[in-house]
Amino acid sequence: MRIHSIQARDLPDLWFQAVHDILDEGSRFTIDRGSYAGQTRLEYDYFVGHVRFPGTKPLLPDIPPSCGIPNPVEEGYIYGGDGYERSYLEYLMTPHKEPGESYTYGERLTHVPISGEKKAWYEDRNEEIVDLRPVDGRVLFEEDGKLYLNQIEWVIETYRRFGHRNNQMVLQVAHPSDVTLLDPPCLRSIDTRIQEDTLNFCVYFRSWDLWGGFPANLAGIQNLKEYMASEIGVKDGEMIVESKGLHLYGYAEDLAKLRCLR
């Protein structure tokens, strides 16, 4: 497998370089299962991107008017606006889930049921196994007699209470049982690291649509990082993103060529 690595200044720079390079470095194959089954796409064997200043505005791609193509992501999609029933930030950072949705990233991050052995250990006050914290309605909360965890607030509180040298603070999106879903979550985890009073994110996607999903996801995740850094009381930092399935669907290939003047 070839590891394709990009060093970028900001999120629009990362997106442009990734779109430009995949036209030469991507492998073309037919999709066997999942979204767009039967169609072709270009895909990196493995992609790593390092963004030094992901908070630089604007967060979304730069599309010169001369290209004659729309931006793959509208501001309203990220922050809400006319034509959008909910924003991407709501999807990412709140537990709201529409009927028919098997999951949302926000549900996985902010509305995690504590059940089975973990709940039993918590009820038994087994402090040799679990980190016993009060049910405060924010980090840990109860609904209909069940106990839930907000991962985002747990990580914030942990850094504030116990300091920054901690390698345990991973925001988990994936569940082992996700393998049974026809369309399991693409985002699997957001690992966190505070270094020199700066919060950095390490993000992994199992599969990733480069044209539209990549910039929308990273704009949302950057907003999440800024919120967490502010709540912890540290600076907003860098981002490392990885995927073994960053791809460009066939329908977007011509658009990519127009953007890259190819």
Protein backbone atom coordinates (compact mmCIF):
# COMPACT_ATOMS: atom_id res chain seq x y z
CA MET A 1 0.00 0.00 0.00
CA ARG A 2 1.13 3.51 -0.80
CA ILE A 3 0.80 6.10 1.96
CA HIS A 4 0.02 9.51 0.51
CA SER A 5 0.99 12.30 2.89
CA ILE A 6 0.14 16.01 2.61
CA GLN A 7 1.36 18.96 4.66
CA ALA A 8 -1.17 21.78 4.51
CA ARG A 9 -1.51 25.32 5.80
CA ASP A 10 -5.28 25.26 6.42
CA LEU A 11 -8.37 23.21 5.57
CA PRO A 12 -8.97 24.68 2.07
CA ASP A 13 -5.31 24.02 1.26
CA LEU A 14 -5.58 20.41 2.45
CA TRP A 15 -8.71 19.84 0.37
CA PHE A 16 -7.20 21.33 -2.80
CA GLN A 17 -3.98 19.34 -2.52
CA ALA A 18 -5.90 16.11 -1.85
CA VAL A 19 -8.23 16.70 -4.83
CA HIS A 20 -5.31 17.62 -7.09
CA ASP A 21 -3.15 14.63 -6.11
CA ILE A 22 -5.83 11.95 -6.26
CA LEU A 23 -6.20 12.52 -10.00
CA ASP A 24 -2.66 11.14 -10.37
CA GLU A 25 -2.17 9.04 -7.23
CA GLY A 26 -5.59 7.44 -6.80
CA SER A 27 -6.37 3.86 -7.81
CA ARG A 28 -9.54 3.32 -9.84
CA PHE A 29 -11.88 0.49 -8.94
CA THR A 30 -15.53 -0.55 -9.01
CA ILE A 31 -17.49 -0.29 -5.77
CA ASP A 32 -18.75 -3.72 -4.66
CA ARG A 33 -21.01 -2.75 -1.75
CA GLY A 34 -22.34 0.27 0.10
CA SER A 35 -22.97 3.75 -1.25
CA TYR A 36 -22.73 3.98 -5.06
CA ALA A 37 -22.32 0.21 -5.50
CA GLY A 38 -21.48 -0.62 -9.12
CA GLN A 39 -19.93 2.77 -9.87
CA THR A 40 -16.23 3.57 -10.06
CA ARG A 41 -14.15 5.83 -7.88
CA LEU A 42 -10.58 6.99 -7.40
CA GLU A 43 -9.19 6.14 -3.98
CA TYR A 44 -5.94 6.61 -2.07
CA ASP A 45 -4.45 3.42 -0.62
CA TYR A 46 -3.92 5.31 2.64
CA PHE A 47 -4.10 9.05 3.23
CA VAL A 48 -2.51 11.19 5.94
CA GLY A 49 -2.97 14.96 6.12
CA HIS A 50 -1.32 17.33 8.60
CA VAL A 51 -2.92 20.78 8.93
CA ARG A 52 -0.95 23.40 10.84
CA PHE A 53 -3.64 26.10 11.10
CA PRO A 54 -7.05 24.42 10.62
CA GLY A 55 -8.84 27.29 12.34
CA THR A 56 -7.91 29.79 9.61
CA LYS A 57 -11.08 31.20 8.04
CA PRO A 58 -12.74 30.41 5.75
CA LEU A 59 -12.90 26.71 6.59
CA LEU A 60 -14.57 25.62 3.34
CA PRO A 61 -12.93 25.09 -0.07
CA ASP A 62 -11.78 27.99 -2.22
CA ILE A 63 -13.48 27.84 -5.63
CA PRO A 64 -12.40 30.69 -7.97
CA PRO A 65 -15.33 32.10 -10.01
CA SER A 66 -13.40 31.34 -13.19
CA CYS A 67 -13.84 27.61 -12.54
CA GLY A 68 -17.60 27.94 -13.11
CA ILE A 69 -18.52 25.31 -10.51
CA PRO A 70 -20.32 25.60 -7.13
CA ASN A 71 -18.59 25.14 -3.82
CA PRO A 72 -19.06 21.50 -2.76
CA VAL A 73 -20.23 22.70 0.68
CA GLU A 74 -22.42 25.69 1.48
CA GLU A 75 -22.03 27.68 4.70
CA GLY A 76 -25.67 26.98 5.47
CA TYR A 77 -25.01 23.25 5.49
CA ILE A 78 -22.46 23.68 8.29
CA TYR A 79 -24.09 26.40 10.37
CA GLY A 80 -27.74 26.22 9.32
CA GLY A 81 -29.79 28.48 7.10
CA ASP A 82 -32.47 28.60 4.44
CA GLY A 83 -33.09 25.22 2.89
CA TYR A 84 -31.54 23.24 5.76
CA GLU A 85 -33.70 21.67 8.46
CA ARG A 86 -30.65 21.22 10.69
CA SER A 87 -27.01 22.19 10.56
CA TYR A 88 -24.08 19.83 10.34
CA LEU A 89 -22.94 21.13 13.74
CA GLU A 90 -26.23 19.88 15.21
CA TYR A 91 -25.62 16.50 13.58
CA LEU A 92 -22.10 16.41 15.05
CA MET A 93 -22.52 17.92 18.50
CA THR A 94 -26.07 17.17 19.70
CA PRO A 95 -27.95 13.90 20.36
CA HIS A 96 -30.82 14.72 17.98
CA LYS A 97 -31.62 11.84 15.63
CA GLU A 98 -34.32 11.78 12.96
CA PRO A 99 -36.62 8.77 12.43
CA GLY A 100 -34.93 6.29 10.13
CA GLU A 101 -31.39 7.30 11.07
CA SER A 102 -29.45 4.38 12.52
CA TYR A 103 -27.02 6.78 14.17
CA THR A 104 -25.67 10.32 14.12
CA TYR A 105 -22.17 11.35 15.09
CA GLY A 106 -23.67 13.63 17.73
CA GLU A 107 -25.67 10.81 19.28
CA ARG A 108 -22.53 8.69 19.49
CA LEU A 109 -20.55 11.55 21.05
CA THR A 110 -23.09 13.05 23.45
CA HIS A 111 -25.72 10.38 24.27
CA VAL A 112 -23.82 7.19 25.10
CA PRO A 113 -25.71 4.60 27.18
CA ILE A 114 -23.83 3.17 30.15
CA SER A 115 -25.07 -0.41 30.33
CA GLY A 116 -24.09 -4.00 31.03
CA GLU A 117 -21.00 -4.58 33.14
CA LYS A 118 -20.01 -0.91 33.10
CA LYS A 119 -23.32 0.09 34.65
CA ALA A 120 -23.05 -2.71 37.21
CA TRP A 121 -19.54 -1.60 38.16
CA TYR A 122 -20.78 1.97 38.49
CA GLU A 123 -23.73 0.96 40.66
CA ASP A 124 -21.42 -1.19 42.82
CA ARG A 125 -19.12 1.84 43.21
CA ASN A 126 -16.18 -0.26 41.95
CA GLU A 127 -13.54 2.46 41.83
CA GLU A 128 -10.82 -0.04 40.93
CA ILE A 129 -12.37 -0.35 37.46
CA VAL A 130 -14.44 2.75 36.66
CA ASP A 131 -13.92 6.47 37.13
CA LEU A 132 -16.78 7.26 39.51
CA ARG A 133 -18.20 10.71 38.84
CA PRO A 134 -21.47 12.25 39.99
CA VAL A 135 -24.55 12.24 37.81
CA ASP A 136 -24.50 15.97 37.17
CA GLY A 137 -26.91 16.26 34.24
CA ARG A 138 -24.14 17.36 31.87
CA VAL A 139 -21.28 14.84 31.80
CA LEU A 140 -23.36 11.98 33.18
CA PHE A 141 -27.16 12.17 33.07
CA GLU A 142 -30.24 9.99 33.44
CA GLU A 143 -33.18 9.61 31.09
CA ASP A 144 -36.08 7.23 31.71
CA GLY A 145 -34.11 5.44 34.41
CA LYS A 146 -31.08 4.89 32.15
CA LEU A 147 -27.60 6.37 32.58
CA TYR A 148 -25.90 8.22 29.71
CA LEU A 149 -22.51 9.80 29.04
CA ASN A 150 -21.57 12.91 27.07
CA GLN A 151 -18.09 12.10 25.75
CA ILE A 152 -17.32 15.67 24.73
CA GLU A 153 -18.03 17.06 28.20
CA TRP A 154 -16.25 14.10 29.88
CA VAL A 155 -13.04 14.83 27.96
CA ILE A 156 -13.28 18.55 28.74
CA GLU A 157 -13.82 17.91 32.44
CA THR A 158 -11.00 15.35 32.60
CA TYR A 159 -8.45 17.72 31.12
CA ARG A 160 -9.60 20.52 33.41
CA ARG A 161 -9.48 18.39 36.57
CA PHE A 162 -6.47 16.17 36.00
CA GLY A 163 -4.13 18.02 33.65
CA HIS A 164 -3.02 17.69 30.06
CA ARG A 165 -0.73 14.65 30.02
CA ASN A 166 -3.39 12.09 29.28
CA ASN A 167 -3.46 9.57 26.41
CA GLN A 168 -6.90 8.17 27.26
CA MET A 169 -9.09 10.98 25.93
CA VAL A 170 -10.43 9.57 22.65
CA LEU A 171 -13.87 10.53 21.34
CA GLN A 172 -15.23 7.19 20.10
CA VAL A 173 -17.81 7.03 17.35
CA ALA A 174 -17.46 3.37 16.35
CA HIS A 175 -19.14 0.47 18.17
CA PRO A 176 -18.06 -3.15 17.61
CA SER A 177 -21.62 -3.99 16.56
CA ASP A 178 -21.44 -1.42 13.73
CA VAL A 179 -20.12 -4.21 11.52
CA THR A 180 -23.73 -5.42 11.27
CA LEU A 181 -24.95 -2.14 9.72
CA LEU A 182 -25.28 -1.80 5.95
CA ASP A 183 -23.83 1.71 6.24
CA PRO A 184 -21.69 1.92 9.40
CA PRO A 185 -20.25 5.28 10.51
CA CYS A 186 -17.43 6.61 8.36
CA LEU A 187 -15.95 8.64 11.22
CA ARG A 188 -14.52 6.16 13.72
CA SER A 189 -12.67 8.26 16.28
CA ILE A 190 -11.31 11.69 17.18
CA ASP A 191 -8.23 11.33 19.34
CA THR A 192 -7.11 14.34 21.36
CA ARG A 193 -3.73 15.60 22.52
CA ILE A 194 -2.85 18.72 24.47
CA GLN A 195 0.73 19.82 23.94
CA GLU A 196 2.21 23.20 24.90
CA ASP A 197 -1.24 24.33 26.12
CA THR A 198 -2.73 23.63 22.68
CA LEU A 199 -5.49 21.13 21.81
CA ASN A 200 -4.78 19.00 18.73
CA PHE A 201 -7.04 16.44 17.02
CA CYS A 202 -6.14 13.16 15.32
CA VAL A 203 -9.11 12.08 13.19
CA TYR A 204 -9.72 8.73 11.49
CA PHE A 205 -12.34 7.94 8.82
CA ARG A 206 -12.74 4.39 7.51
CA SER A 207 -14.22 5.73 4.23
CA TRP A 208 -14.36 9.35 3.12
CA ASP A 209 -15.93 11.24 0.23
CA LEU A 210 -13.24 13.72 -0.78
CA TRP A 211 -15.31 16.14 -2.86
CA GLY A 212 -18.09 17.07 -0.42
CA GLY A 213 -17.84 14.99 2.74
CA PHE A 214 -14.19 15.73 3.53
CA PRO A 215 -14.52 19.56 3.70
CA ALA A 216 -17.88 19.46 5.49
CA ASN A 217 -16.69 16.96 8.10
CA LEU A 218 -13.48 18.85 8.82
CA ALA A 219 -15.22 22.22 9.08
CA GLY A 220 -17.57 20.72 11.66
CA ILE A 221 -14.78 18.95 13.54
CA GLN A 222 -12.77 22.16 13.62
CA ASN A 223 -15.72 23.94 15.27
CA LEU A 224 -15.87 21.11 17.81
CA LYS A 225 -12.15 21.51 18.51
CA GLU A 226 -12.50 25.25 19.01
CA TYR A 227 -15.36 24.70 21.46
CA MET A 228 -13.43 22.12 23.46
CA ALA A 229 -10.24 24.20 23.54
CA SER A 230 -12.19 27.20 24.84
CA GLU A 231 -13.91 25.12 27.55
CA ILE A 232 -10.65 23.49 28.64
CA GLY A 233 -8.84 26.82 28.65
CA VAL A 234 -6.15 26.05 26.07
CA LYS A 235 -5.33 27.25 22.56
CA ASP A 236 -6.82 25.76 19.42
CA GLY A 237 -4.24 23.63 17.65
CA GLU A 238 -3.39 21.41 14.71
CA MET A 239 -5.18 18.53 13.04
CA ILE A 240 -3.93 15.21 11.69
CA VAL A 241 -6.45 13.32 9.54
CA GLU A 242 -6.19 9.76 8.23
CA SER A 243 -8.21 7.38 6.10
CA LYS A 244 -7.73 4.09 4.32
CA GLY A 245 -10.63 5.01 2.06
CA LEU A 246 -10.42 8.66 0.97
CA HIS A 247 -12.02 8.67 -2.47
CA LEU A 248 -13.42 10.70 -5.33
CA TYR A 249 -16.63 9.38 -6.88
CA GLY A 250 -16.90 9.25 -10.63
CA TYR A 251 -19.52 12.02 -10.78
CA ALA A 252 -17.08 14.43 -9.08
CA GLU A 253 -14.02 13.62 -11.16
CA ASP A 254 -14.85 16.13 -13.89
CA LEU A 255 -15.54 18.78 -11.22
CA ALA A 256 -12.16 18.05 -9.66
CA LYS A 257 -10.45 18.48 -13.01
CA LEU A 258 -12.16 21.84 -13.50
CA ARG A 259 -11.10 23.04 -10.04
CA CYS A 260 -7.51 21.93 -10.64
CA LEU A 261 -7.42 23.39 -14.16
CA ARG A 262 -6.80 19.91 -15.53
